[in-house]
Amino acid sequence: MFQLLYPLIHTIQPFLVPFCFFLAWALMFLLAGNLWSAFNHSVTRAKRMHQIPCPGCQFFTNDYRLKCTVHPHIANSEDAIECPDYCPKTYTLY
Protein backbone atom coordinates (compact mmCIF):
# COMPACT_ATOMS: atom_id res chain seq x y z
CA MET A 1 0.00 0.00 0.00
CA PHE A 2 2.68 2.48 1.02
CA GLN A 3 4.86 1.47 -1.94
CA LEU A 4 2.12 2.84 -4.21
CA LEU A 5 1.87 6.15 -2.33
CA TYR A 6 5.64 6.70 -2.17
CA PRO A 7 6.03 7.90 -5.81
CA LEU A 8 2.93 10.05 -5.50
CA ILE A 9 4.21 11.78 -2.37
CA HIS A 10 7.61 12.42 -3.99
CA THR A 11 5.85 13.86 -7.03
CA ILE A 12 3.73 16.37 -5.11
CA GLN A 13 6.29 17.17 -2.39
CA PRO A 14 7.69 20.30 -4.14
CA PHE A 15 4.15 21.70 -4.24
CA LEU A 16 3.12 20.52 -0.78
CA VAL A 17 5.38 22.81 1.27
CA PRO A 18 4.32 26.08 -0.45
CA PHE A 19 0.70 24.95 -0.35
CA CYS A 20 0.86 24.30 3.41
CA PHE A 21 2.66 27.62 3.92
CA PHE A 22 -0.06 29.46 2.00
CA LEU A 23 -2.80 27.56 3.82
CA ALA A 24 -1.35 28.37 7.25
CA TRP A 25 -1.10 32.09 6.46
CA ALA A 26 -4.58 32.11 4.94
CA LEU A 27 -5.96 30.65 8.16
CA MET A 28 -4.09 33.29 10.17
CA PHE A 29 -5.56 36.08 8.03
CA LEU A 30 -9.04 34.59 8.36
CA LEU A 31 -8.63 34.44 12.12
CA ALA A 32 -7.39 38.04 12.26
CA GLY A 33 -10.27 39.16 10.03
CA ASN A 34 -12.82 37.43 12.23
CA LEU A 35 -11.32 38.97 15.37
CA TRP A 36 -11.36 42.43 13.77
CA SER A 37 -14.95 41.95 12.64
CA ALA A 38 -16.04 40.87 16.13
CA PHE A 39 -14.24 43.84 17.70
CA ASN A 40 -15.78 46.25 15.21
CA HIS A 41 -19.26 44.81 15.78
CA SER A 42 -18.83 45.07 19.56
CA VAL A 43 -17.78 48.72 19.37
CA THR A 44 -20.69 49.56 17.06
CA ARG A 45 -23.13 47.78 19.36
CA ALA A 46 -21.73 49.51 22.45
CA LYS A 47 -22.07 52.93 20.79
CA ARG A 48 -25.69 52.13 19.93
CA MET A 49 -26.47 50.96 23.47
CA HIS A 50 -24.92 54.10 24.97
CA GLN A 51 -27.52 56.18 23.11
CA ILE A 52 -30.31 54.80 25.33
CA PRO A 53 -31.44 57.80 27.42
CA CYS A 54 -33.37 55.91 30.12
CA PRO A 55 -30.98 56.39 33.09
CA GLY A 56 -31.15 60.17 32.60
CA CYS A 57 -34.95 60.32 32.40
CA GLN A 58 -37.09 61.42 35.33
CA PHE A 59 -39.54 58.57 34.70
CA PHE A 60 -36.81 55.94 35.08
CA THR A 61 -37.21 54.19 38.44
CA ASN A 62 -34.06 52.00 38.43
CA ASP A 63 -36.17 49.15 39.80
CA TYR A 64 -36.05 45.81 37.99
CA ARG A 65 -39.81 45.31 38.40
CA LEU A 66 -40.86 48.63 36.84
CA LYS A 67 -38.05 50.35 35.00
CA CYS A 68 -40.12 53.13 33.47
CA THR A 69 -43.47 54.43 34.63
CA VAL A 70 -44.50 55.72 31.18
CA HIS A 71 -43.23 53.01 28.78
CA PRO A 72 -42.20 49.94 30.77
CA HIS A 73 -42.15 47.69 27.69
CA ILE A 74 -39.42 49.68 25.91
CA ALA A 75 -37.35 50.80 28.91
CA ASN A 76 -33.60 50.18 28.55
CA SER A 77 -33.98 48.82 25.02
CA GLU A 78 -33.07 50.18 21.61
CA ASP A 79 -36.69 51.22 21.13
CA ALA A 80 -36.20 53.80 23.89
CA ILE A 81 -33.60 55.75 21.90
CA GLU A 82 -36.30 57.85 20.22
CA CYS A 83 -38.66 57.90 23.21
CA PRO A 84 -41.19 60.74 22.76
CA ASP A 85 -41.77 61.07 26.51
CA TYR A 86 -38.13 61.47 27.51
CA CYS A 87 -37.76 64.15 30.15
CA PRO A 88 -34.35 64.81 31.68
CA LYS A 89 -33.98 64.52 35.42
CA THR A 90 -34.12 67.81 37.26
CA TYR A 91 -32.13 67.90 40.43
CA THR A 92 -33.35 70.35 43.02
CA LEU A 93 -31.24 71.52 45.90
CA TYR A 94 -33.10 71.51 49.20
PDB file of N, CA and C in Angstrom:
ATOM      1  N   MET A   1       0.823  -1.196   0.000  1.00  0.00           N
ATOM      2  CA  MET A   1       0.000   0.000   0.000  1.00  0.00           C
ATOM      3  C   MET A   1       0.865   1.257   0.000  1.00  0.00           C
ATOM      4  N   PHE A   2       1.847   1.304   0.935  1.00  0.00           N
ATOM      5  CA  PHE A   2       2.684   2.481   1.017  1.00  0.00           C
ATOM      6  C   PHE A   2       3.661   2.576  -0.155  1.00  0.00           C
ATOM      7  N   GLN A   3       3.977   1.431  -0.785  1.00  0.00           N
ATOM      8  CA  GLN A   3       4.855   1.471  -1.939  1.00  0.00           C
ATOM      9  C   GLN A   3       4.168   2.196  -3.096  1.00  0.00           C
ATOM     10  N   LEU A   4       2.851   2.143  -3.149  1.00  0.00           N
ATOM     11  CA  LEU A   4       2.121   2.838  -4.208  1.00  0.00           C
ATOM     12  C   LEU A   4       2.031   4.337  -3.939  1.00  0.00           C
ATOM     13  N   LEU A   5       1.968   4.731  -2.680  1.00  0.00           N
ATOM     14  CA  LEU A   5       1.872   6.146  -2.329  1.00  0.00           C
ATOM     15  C   LEU A   5       3.219   6.854  -2.360  1.00  0.00           C
ATOM     16  N   TYR A   6       4.310   6.108  -2.227  1.00  0.00           N
ATOM     17  CA  TYR A   6       5.640   6.699  -2.171  1.00  0.00           C
ATOM     18  C   TYR A   6       5.964   7.535  -3.417  1.00  0.00           C
ATOM     19  N   PRO A   7       5.749   7.054  -4.639  1.00  0.00           N
ATOM     20  CA  PRO A   7       6.033   7.904  -5.806  1.00  0.00           C
ATOM     21  C   PRO A   7       5.098   9.114  -5.896  1.00  0.00           C
ATOM     22  N   LEU A   8       3.874   8.933  -5.469  1.00  0.00           N
ATOM     23  CA  LEU A   8       2.926  10.053  -5.504  1.00  0.00           C
ATOM     24  C   LEU A   8       3.351  11.162  -4.541  1.00  0.00           C
ATOM     25  N   ILE A   9       3.782  10.783  -3.357  1.00  0.00           N
ATOM     26  CA  ILE A   9       4.209  11.781  -2.374  1.00  0.00           C
ATOM     27  C   ILE A   9       5.463  12.499  -2.857  1.00  0.00           C
ATOM     28  N   HIS A  10       6.402  11.785  -3.458  1.00  0.00           N
ATOM     29  CA  HIS A  10       7.606  12.421  -3.990  1.00  0.00           C
ATOM     30  C   HIS A  10       7.284  13.316  -5.178  1.00  0.00           C
ATOM     31  N   THR A  11       6.235  13.020  -5.884  1.00  0.00           N
ATOM     32  CA  THR A  11       5.848  13.856  -7.025  1.00  0.00           C
ATOM     33  C   THR A  11       5.247  15.178  -6.562  1.00  0.00           C
ATOM     34  N   ILE A  12       4.407  15.139  -5.544  1.00  0.00           N
ATOM     35  CA  ILE A  12       3.733  16.371  -5.110  1.00  0.00           C
ATOM     36  C   ILE A  12       4.469  17.094  -3.989  1.00  0.00           C
ATOM     37  N   GLN A  13       5.577  16.552  -3.498  1.00  0.00           N
ATOM     38  CA  GLN A  13       6.295  17.171  -2.385  1.00  0.00           C
ATOM     39  C   GLN A  13       6.785  18.585  -2.702  1.00  0.00           C
ATOM     40  N   PRO A  14       7.281  18.906  -3.881  1.00  0.00           N
ATOM     41  CA  PRO A  14       7.689  20.296  -4.137  1.00  0.00           C
ATOM     42  C   PRO A  14       6.520  21.282  -4.063  1.00  0.00           C
ATOM     43  N   PHE A  15       5.317  20.813  -4.300  1.00  0.00           N
ATOM     44  CA  PHE A  15       4.152  21.695  -4.241  1.00  0.00           C
ATOM     45  C   PHE A  15       3.490  21.685  -2.865  1.00  0.00           C
ATOM     46  N   LEU A  16       3.779  20.687  -2.068  1.00  0.00           N
ATOM     47  CA  LEU A  16       3.124  20.517  -0.781  1.00  0.00           C
ATOM     48  C   LEU A  16       3.581  21.555   0.244  1.00  0.00           C
ATOM     49  N   VAL A  17       4.867  21.854   0.298  1.00  0.00           N
ATOM     50  CA  VAL A  17       5.380  22.814   1.272  1.00  0.00           C
ATOM     51  C   VAL A  17       4.841  24.220   0.998  1.00  0.00           C
ATOM     52  N   PRO A  18       4.902  24.748  -0.230  1.00  0.00           N
ATOM     53  CA  PRO A  18       4.316  26.076  -0.455  1.00  0.00           C
ATOM     54  C   PRO A  18       2.802  26.104  -0.227  1.00  0.00           C
ATOM     55  N   PHE A  19       2.139  25.002  -0.561  1.00  0.00           N
ATOM     56  CA  PHE A  19       0.695  24.951  -0.350  1.00  0.00           C
ATOM     57  C   PHE A  19       0.364  25.019   1.139  1.00  0.00           C
ATOM     58  N   CYS A  20       1.092  24.266   1.967  1.00  0.00           N
ATOM     59  CA  CYS A  20       0.855  24.297   3.414  1.00  0.00           C
ATOM     60  C   CYS A  20       1.217  25.664   3.995  1.00  0.00           C
ATOM     61  N   PHE A  21       2.283  26.278   3.480  1.00  0.00           N
ATOM     62  CA  PHE A  21       2.665  27.619   3.920  1.00  0.00           C
ATOM     63  C   PHE A  21       1.547  28.612   3.613  1.00  0.00           C
ATOM     64  N   PHE A  22       1.040  28.572   2.400  1.00  0.00           N
ATOM     65  CA  PHE A  22      -0.055  29.461   2.005  1.00  0.00           C
ATOM     66  C   PHE A  22      -1.306  29.185   2.835  1.00  0.00           C
ATOM     67  N   LEU A  23      -1.614  27.930   3.060  1.00  0.00           N
ATOM     68  CA  LEU A  23      -2.803  27.560   3.824  1.00  0.00           C
ATOM     69  C   LEU A  23      -2.701  28.043   5.273  1.00  0.00           C
ATOM     70  N   ALA A  24      -1.524  27.919   5.871  1.00  0.00           N
ATOM     71  CA  ALA A  24      -1.345  28.372   7.253  1.00  0.00           C
ATOM     72  C   ALA A  24      -1.528  29.883   7.361  1.00  0.00           C
ATOM     73  N   TRP A  25      -0.941  30.635   6.413  1.00  0.00           N
ATOM     74  CA  TRP A  25      -1.098  32.088   6.458  1.00  0.00           C
ATOM     75  C   TRP A  25      -2.522  32.517   6.119  1.00  0.00           C
ATOM     76  N   ALA A  26      -3.178  31.792   5.249  1.00  0.00           N
ATOM     77  CA  ALA A  26      -4.577  32.109   4.937  1.00  0.00           C
ATOM     78  C   ALA A  26      -5.454  31.921   6.170  1.00  0.00           C
ATOM     79  N   LEU A  27      -5.203  30.858   6.927  1.00  0.00           N
ATOM     80  CA  LEU A  27      -5.961  30.647   8.161  1.00  0.00           C
ATOM     81  C   LEU A  27      -5.671  31.743   9.185  1.00  0.00           C
ATOM     82  N   MET A  28      -4.422  32.196   9.253  1.00  0.00           N
ATOM     83  CA  MET A  28      -4.085  33.286  10.175  1.00  0.00           C
ATOM     84  C   MET A  28      -4.804  34.576   9.781  1.00  0.00           C
ATOM     85  N   PHE A  29      -4.853  34.871   8.477  1.00  0.00           N
ATOM     86  CA  PHE A  29      -5.556  36.076   8.027  1.00  0.00           C
ATOM     87  C   PHE A  29      -7.059  35.964   8.249  1.00  0.00           C
ATOM     88  N   LEU A  30      -7.612  34.781   8.074  1.00  0.00           N
ATOM     89  CA  LEU A  30      -9.036  34.591   8.356  1.00  0.00           C
ATOM     90  C   LEU A  30      -9.325  34.784   9.843  1.00  0.00           C
ATOM     91  N   LEU A  31      -8.462  34.267  10.686  1.00  0.00           N
ATOM     92  CA  LEU A  31      -8.631  34.444  12.121  1.00  0.00           C
ATOM     93  C   LEU A  31      -8.536  35.922  12.505  1.00  0.00           C
ATOM     94  N   ALA A  32      -7.545  36.615  11.964  1.00  0.00           N
ATOM     95  CA  ALA A  32      -7.395  38.041  12.255  1.00  0.00           C
ATOM     96  C   ALA A  32      -8.595  38.829  11.740  1.00  0.00           C
ATOM     97  N   GLY A  33      -9.087  38.481  10.569  1.00  0.00           N
ATOM     98  CA  GLY A  33     -10.267  39.161  10.032  1.00  0.00           C
ATOM     99  C   GLY A  33     -11.502  38.936  10.879  1.00  0.00           C
ATOM    100  N   ASN A  34     -11.674  37.715  11.370  1.00  0.00           N
ATOM    101  CA  ASN A  34     -12.822  37.430  12.234  1.00  0.00           C
ATOM    102  C   ASN A  34     -12.711  38.167  13.566  1.00  0.00           C
ATOM    103  N   LEU A  35     -11.506  38.232  14.119  1.00  0.00           N
ATOM    104  CA  LEU A  35     -11.320  38.971  15.365  1.00  0.00           C
ATOM    105  C   LEU A  35     -11.590  40.458  15.168  1.00  0.00           C
ATOM    106  N   TRP A  36     -11.116  41.017  14.063  1.00  0.00           N
ATOM    107  CA  TRP A  36     -11.360  42.430  13.771  1.00  0.00           C
ATOM    108  C   TRP A  36     -12.849  42.689  13.566  1.00  0.00           C
ATOM    109  N   SER A  37     -13.517  41.799  12.870  1.00  0.00           N
ATOM    110  CA  SER A  37     -14.951  41.948  12.642  1.00  0.00           C
ATOM    111  C   SER A  37     -15.726  41.887  13.957  1.00  0.00           C
ATOM    112  N   ALA A  38     -15.368  40.970  14.832  1.00  0.00           N
ATOM    113  CA  ALA A  38     -16.039  40.867  16.131  1.00  0.00           C
ATOM    114  C   ALA A  38     -15.787  42.111  16.977  1.00  0.00           C
ATOM    115  N   PHE A  39     -14.561  42.616  16.960  1.00  0.00           N
ATOM    116  CA  PHE A  39     -14.242  43.836  17.701  1.00  0.00           C
ATOM    117  C   PHE A  39     -15.023  45.022  17.158  1.00  0.00           C
ATOM    118  N   ASN A  40     -15.066  45.148  15.839  1.00  0.00           N
ATOM    119  CA  ASN A  40     -15.782  46.254  15.210  1.00  0.00           C
ATOM    120  C   ASN A  40     -17.275  46.179  15.520  1.00  0.00           C
ATOM    121  N   HIS A  41     -17.839  44.987  15.467  1.00  0.00           N
ATOM    122  CA  HIS A  41     -19.262  44.812  15.780  1.00  0.00           C
ATOM    123  C   HIS A  41     -19.542  45.157  17.238  1.00  0.00           C
ATOM    124  N   SER A  42     -18.650  44.776  18.141  1.00  0.00           N
ATOM    125  CA  SER A  42     -18.834  45.074  19.562  1.00  0.00           C
ATOM    126  C   SER A  42     -18.792  46.571  19.830  1.00  0.00           C
ATOM    127  N   VAL A  43     -17.874  47.268  19.183  1.00  0.00           N
ATOM    128  CA  VAL A  43     -17.778  48.715  19.365  1.00  0.00           C
ATOM    129  C   VAL A  43     -19.021  49.404  18.815  1.00  0.00           C
ATOM    130  N   THR A  44     -19.486  48.976  17.646  1.00  0.00           N
ATOM    131  CA  THR A  44     -20.691  49.559  17.057  1.00  0.00           C
ATOM    132  C   THR A  44     -21.897  49.317  17.950  1.00  0.00           C
ATOM    133  N   ARG A  45     -22.008  48.120  18.478  1.00  0.00           N
ATOM    134  CA  ARG A  45     -23.134  47.776  19.361  1.00  0.00           C
ATOM    135  C   ARG A  45     -23.070  48.580  20.660  1.00  0.00           C
ATOM    136  N   ALA A  46     -21.870  48.744  21.212  1.00  0.00           N
ATOM    137  CA  ALA A  46     -21.725  49.513  22.447  1.00  0.00           C
ATOM    138  C   ALA A  46     -22.097  50.975  22.226  1.00  0.00           C
ATOM    139  N   LYS A  47     -21.699  51.540  21.089  1.00  0.00           N
ATOM    140  CA  LYS A  47     -22.074  52.926  20.788  1.00  0.00           C
ATOM    141  C   LYS A  47     -23.579  53.071  20.682  1.00  0.00           C
ATOM    142  N   ARG A  48     -24.227  52.097  20.073  1.00  0.00           N
ATOM    143  CA  ARG A  48     -25.687  52.130  19.931  1.00  0.00           C
ATOM    144  C   ARG A  48     -26.368  52.019  21.299  1.00  0.00           C
ATOM    145  N   MET A  49     -25.853  51.146  22.159  1.00  0.00           N
ATOM    146  CA  MET A  49     -26.468  50.963  23.470  1.00  0.00           C
ATOM    147  C   MET A  49     -26.241  52.169  24.387  1.00  0.00           C
ATOM    148  N   HIS A  50     -25.163  52.915  24.162  1.00  0.00           N
ATOM    149  CA  HIS A  50     -24.921  54.103  24.973  1.00  0.00           C
ATOM    150  C   HIS A  50     -25.814  55.274  24.572  1.00  0.00           C
ATOM    151  N   GLN A  51     -26.583  55.134  23.512  1.00  0.00           N
ATOM    152  CA  GLN A  51     -27.525  56.177  23.113  1.00  0.00           C
ATOM    153  C   GLN A  51     -28.857  56.057  23.847  1.00  0.00           C
ATOM    154  N   ILE A  52     -29.054  54.992  24.603  1.00  0.00           N
ATOM    155  CA  ILE A  52     -30.311  54.801  25.331  1.00  0.00           C
ATOM    156  C   ILE A  52     -30.380  55.832  26.459  1.00  0.00           C
ATOM    157  N   PRO A  53     -31.396  56.697  26.451  1.00  0.00           N
ATOM    158  CA  PRO A  53     -31.442  57.797  27.416  1.00  0.00           C
ATOM    159  C   PRO A  53     -32.125  57.466  28.740  1.00  0.00           C
ATOM    160  N   CYS A  54     -32.551  56.253  28.949  1.00  0.00           N
ATOM    161  CA  CYS A  54     -33.372  55.908  30.124  1.00  0.00           C
ATOM    162  C   CYS A  54     -32.766  56.303  31.472  1.00  0.00           C
ATOM    163  N   PRO A  55     -31.496  56.039  31.755  1.00  0.00           N
ATOM    164  CA  PRO A  55     -30.982  56.392  33.089  1.00  0.00           C
ATOM    165  C   PRO A  55     -31.011  57.889  33.385  1.00  0.00           C
ATOM    166  N   GLY A  56     -31.093  58.730  32.370  1.00  0.00           N
ATOM    167  CA  GLY A  56     -31.153  60.173  32.597  1.00  0.00           C
ATOM    168  C   GLY A  56     -32.559  60.736  32.577  1.00  0.00           C
ATOM    169  N   CYS A  57     -33.558  59.873  32.489  1.00  0.00           N
ATOM    170  CA  CYS A  57     -34.953  60.316  32.405  1.00  0.00           C
ATOM    171  C   CYS A  57     -35.565  60.365  33.803  1.00  0.00           C
ATOM    172  N   GLN A  58     -36.463  61.317  34.012  1.00  0.00           N
ATOM    173  CA  GLN A  58     -37.086  61.424  35.335  1.00  0.00           C
ATOM    174  C   GLN A  58     -38.104  60.319  35.589  1.00  0.00           C
ATOM    175  N   PHE A  59     -38.580  59.657  34.537  1.00  0.00           N
ATOM    176  CA  PHE A  59     -39.539  58.572  34.704  1.00  0.00           C
ATOM    177  C   PHE A  59     -38.864  57.218  34.940  1.00  0.00           C
ATOM    178  N   PHE A  60     -37.563  57.174  34.869  1.00  0.00           N
ATOM    179  CA  PHE A  60     -36.810  55.936  35.082  1.00  0.00           C
ATOM    180  C   PHE A  60     -36.713  55.669  36.575  1.00  0.00           C
ATOM    181  N   THR A  61     -37.155  54.489  37.009  1.00  0.00           N
ATOM    182  CA  THR A  61     -37.207  54.191  38.442  1.00  0.00           C
ATOM    183  C   THR A  61     -35.997  53.424  38.947  1.00  0.00           C
ATOM    184  N   ASN A  62     -35.220  52.825  38.064  1.00  0.00           N
ATOM    185  CA  ASN A  62     -34.059  52.004  38.427  1.00  0.00           C
ATOM    186  C   ASN A  62     -34.464  50.816  39.304  1.00  0.00           C
ATOM    187  N   ASP A  63     -35.655  50.330  39.096  1.00  0.00           N
ATOM    188  CA  ASP A  63     -36.168  49.152  39.796  1.00  0.00           C
ATOM    189  C   ASP A  63     -36.403  48.073  38.748  1.00  0.00           C
ATOM    190  N   TYR A  64     -35.945  46.863  39.003  1.00  0.00           N
ATOM    191  CA  TYR A  64     -36.048  45.812  37.987  1.00  0.00           C
ATOM    192  C   TYR A  64     -37.489  45.401  37.714  1.00  0.00           C
ATOM    193  N   ARG A  65     -38.417  45.688  38.626  1.00  0.00           N
ATOM    194  CA  ARG A  65     -39.815  45.310  38.403  1.00  0.00           C
ATOM    195  C   ARG A  65     -40.535  46.308  37.512  1.00  0.00           C
ATOM    196  N   LEU A  66     -40.253  47.583  37.664  1.00  0.00           N
ATOM    197  CA  LEU A  66     -40.862  48.627  36.840  1.00  0.00           C
ATOM    198  C   LEU A  66     -39.772  49.638  36.519  1.00  0.00           C
ATOM    199  N   LYS A  67     -39.178  49.496  35.346  1.00  0.00           N
ATOM    200  CA  LYS A  67     -38.047  50.349  34.998  1.00  0.00           C
ATOM    201  C   LYS A  67     -38.479  51.747  34.593  1.00  0.00           C
ATOM    202  N   CYS A  68     -39.624  51.839  33.934  1.00  0.00           N
ATOM    203  CA  CYS A  68     -40.120  53.131  33.472  1.00  0.00           C
ATOM    204  C   CYS A  68     -41.615  53.192  33.762  1.00  0.00           C
ATOM    205  N   THR A  69     -42.054  54.316  34.296  1.00  0.00           N
ATOM    206  CA  THR A  69     -43.475  54.431  34.626  1.00  0.00           C
ATOM    207  C   THR A  69     -44.324  54.776  33.419  1.00  0.00           C
ATOM    208  N   VAL A  70     -43.738  55.323  32.368  1.00  0.00           N
ATOM    209  CA  VAL A  70     -44.502  55.716  31.183  1.00  0.00           C
ATOM    210  C   VAL A  70     -44.520  54.603  30.138  1.00  0.00           C
ATOM    211  N   HIS A  71     -43.352  54.076  29.795  1.00  0.00           N
ATOM    212  CA  HIS A  71     -43.234  53.013  28.784  1.00  0.00           C
ATOM    213  C   HIS A  71     -42.418  51.852  29.348  1.00  0.00           C
ATOM    214  N   PRO A  72     -42.992  51.021  30.184  1.00  0.00           N
ATOM    215  CA  PRO A  72     -42.195  49.935  30.775  1.00  0.00           C
ATOM    216  C   PRO A  72     -41.774  48.865  29.774  1.00  0.00           C
ATOM    217  N   HIS A  73     -42.477  48.742  28.661  1.00  0.00           N
ATOM    218  CA  HIS A  73     -42.152  47.690  27.694  1.00  0.00           C
ATOM    219  C   HIS A  73     -40.950  48.036  26.823  1.00  0.00           C
ATOM    220  N   ILE A  74     -40.584  49.314  26.730  1.00  0.00           N
ATOM    221  CA  ILE A  74     -39.419  49.677  25.908  1.00  0.00           C
ATOM    222  C   ILE A  74     -38.262  50.217  26.742  1.00  0.00           C
ATOM    223  N   ALA A  75     -38.397  50.235  28.051  1.00  0.00           N
ATOM    224  CA  ALA A  75     -37.350  50.801  28.906  1.00  0.00           C
ATOM    225  C   ALA A  75     -36.049  50.013  28.766  1.00  0.00           C
ATOM    226  N   ASN A  76     -34.957  50.742  28.675  1.00  0.00           N
ATOM    227  CA  ASN A  76     -33.600  50.183  28.550  1.00  0.00           C
ATOM    228  C   ASN A  76     -33.440  49.292  27.331  1.00  0.00           C
ATOM    229  N   SER A  77     -34.142  49.575  26.267  1.00  0.00           N
ATOM    230  CA  SER A  77     -33.978  48.823  25.025  1.00  0.00           C
ATOM    231  C   SER A  77     -33.667  49.817  23.909  1.00  0.00           C
ATOM    232  N   GLU A  78     -33.371  49.297  22.734  1.00  0.00           N
ATOM    233  CA  GLU A  78     -33.071  50.178  21.608  1.00  0.00           C
ATOM    234  C   GLU A  78     -34.295  50.968  21.163  1.00  0.00           C
ATOM    235  N   ASP A  79     -35.477  50.482  21.472  1.00  0.00           N
ATOM    236  CA  ASP A  79     -36.690  51.222  21.127  1.00  0.00           C
ATOM    237  C   ASP A  79     -36.805  52.514  21.928  1.00  0.00           C
ATOM    238  N   ALA A  80     -36.120  52.612  23.044  1.00  0.00           N
ATOM    239  CA  ALA A  80     -36.197  53.799  23.888  1.00  0.00           C
ATOM    240  C   ALA A  80     -35.289  54.927  23.410  1.00  0.00           C
ATOM    241  N   ILE A  81     -34.510  54.710  22.373  1.00  0.00           N
ATOM    242  CA  ILE A  81     -33.600  55.754  21.896  1.00  0.00           C
ATOM    243  C   ILE A  81     -34.381  56.965  21.399  1.00  0.00           C
ATOM    244  N   GLU A  82     -35.461  56.752  20.721  1.00  0.00           N
ATOM    245  CA  GLU A  82     -36.296  57.848  20.221  1.00  0.00           C
ATOM    246  C   GLU A  82     -37.576  57.968  21.047  1.00  0.00           C
ATOM    247  N   CYS A  83     -37.487  57.851  22.348  1.00  0.00           N
ATOM    248  CA  CYS A  83     -38.664  57.898  23.214  1.00  0.00           C
ATOM    249  C   CYS A  83     -39.279  59.302  23.183  1.00  0.00           C
ATOM    250  N   PRO A  84     -40.566  59.412  22.836  1.00  0.00           N
ATOM    251  CA  PRO A  84     -41.189  60.743  22.757  1.00  0.00           C
ATOM    252  C   PRO A  84     -41.445  61.354  24.135  1.00  0.00           C
ATOM    253  N   ASP A  85     -41.467  60.558  25.177  1.00  0.00           N
ATOM    254  CA  ASP A  85     -41.767  61.072  26.515  1.00  0.00           C
ATOM    255  C   ASP A  85     -40.520  61.263  27.370  1.00  0.00           C
ATOM    256  N   TYR A  86     -39.358  61.289  26.750  1.00  0.00           N
ATOM    257  CA  TYR A  86     -38.125  61.466  27.512  1.00  0.00           C
ATOM    258  C   TYR A  86     -38.113  62.856  28.142  1.00  0.00           C
ATOM    259  N   CYS A  87     -37.849  62.890  29.411  1.00  0.00           N
ATOM    260  CA  CYS A  87     -37.765  64.150  30.147  1.00  0.00           C
ATOM    261  C   CYS A  87     -36.549  64.059  31.065  1.00  0.00           C
ATOM    262  N   PRO A  88     -35.562  64.926  30.870  1.00  0.00           N
ATOM    263  CA  PRO A  88     -34.347  64.809  31.681  1.00  0.00           C
ATOM    264  C   PRO A  88     -34.634  65.024  33.166  1.00  0.00           C
ATOM    265  N   LYS A  89     -33.829  64.371  33.974  1.00  0.00           N
ATOM    266  CA  LYS A  89     -33.979  64.522  35.422  1.00  0.00           C
ATOM    267  C   LYS A  89     -33.633  65.947  35.819  1.00  0.00           C
ATOM    268  N   THR A  90     -34.424  66.482  36.711  1.00  0.00           N
ATOM    269  CA  THR A  90     -34.124  67.807  37.258  1.00  0.00           C
ATOM    270  C   THR A  90     -33.774  67.622  38.721  1.00  0.00           C
ATOM    271  N   TYR A  91     -32.598  68.032  39.062  1.00  0.00           N
ATOM    272  CA  TYR A  91     -32.131  67.904  40.434  1.00  0.00           C
ATOM    273  C   TYR A  91     -32.383  69.224  41.152  1.00  0.00           C
ATOM    274  N   THR A  92     -33.083  69.144  42.237  1.00  0.00           N
ATOM    275  CA  THR A  92     -33.352  70.345  43.022  1.00  0.00           C
ATOM    276  C   THR A  92     -32.527  70.291  44.299  1.00  0.00           C
ATOM    277  N   LEU A  93     -32.015  71.422  44.671  1.00  0.00           N
ATOM    278  CA  LEU A  93     -31.242  71.521  45.904  1.00  0.00           C
ATOM    279  C   LEU A  93     -32.182  71.946  47.021  1.00  0.00           C
ATOM    280  N   TYR A  94     -32.213  71.186  48.075  1.00  0.00           N
ATOM    281  CA  TYR A  94     -33.103  71.508  49.197  1.00  0.00           C
ATOM    282  C   TYR A  94     -32.350  72.278  50.233  1.00  0.00           C
TER     283      TYR A  94
END
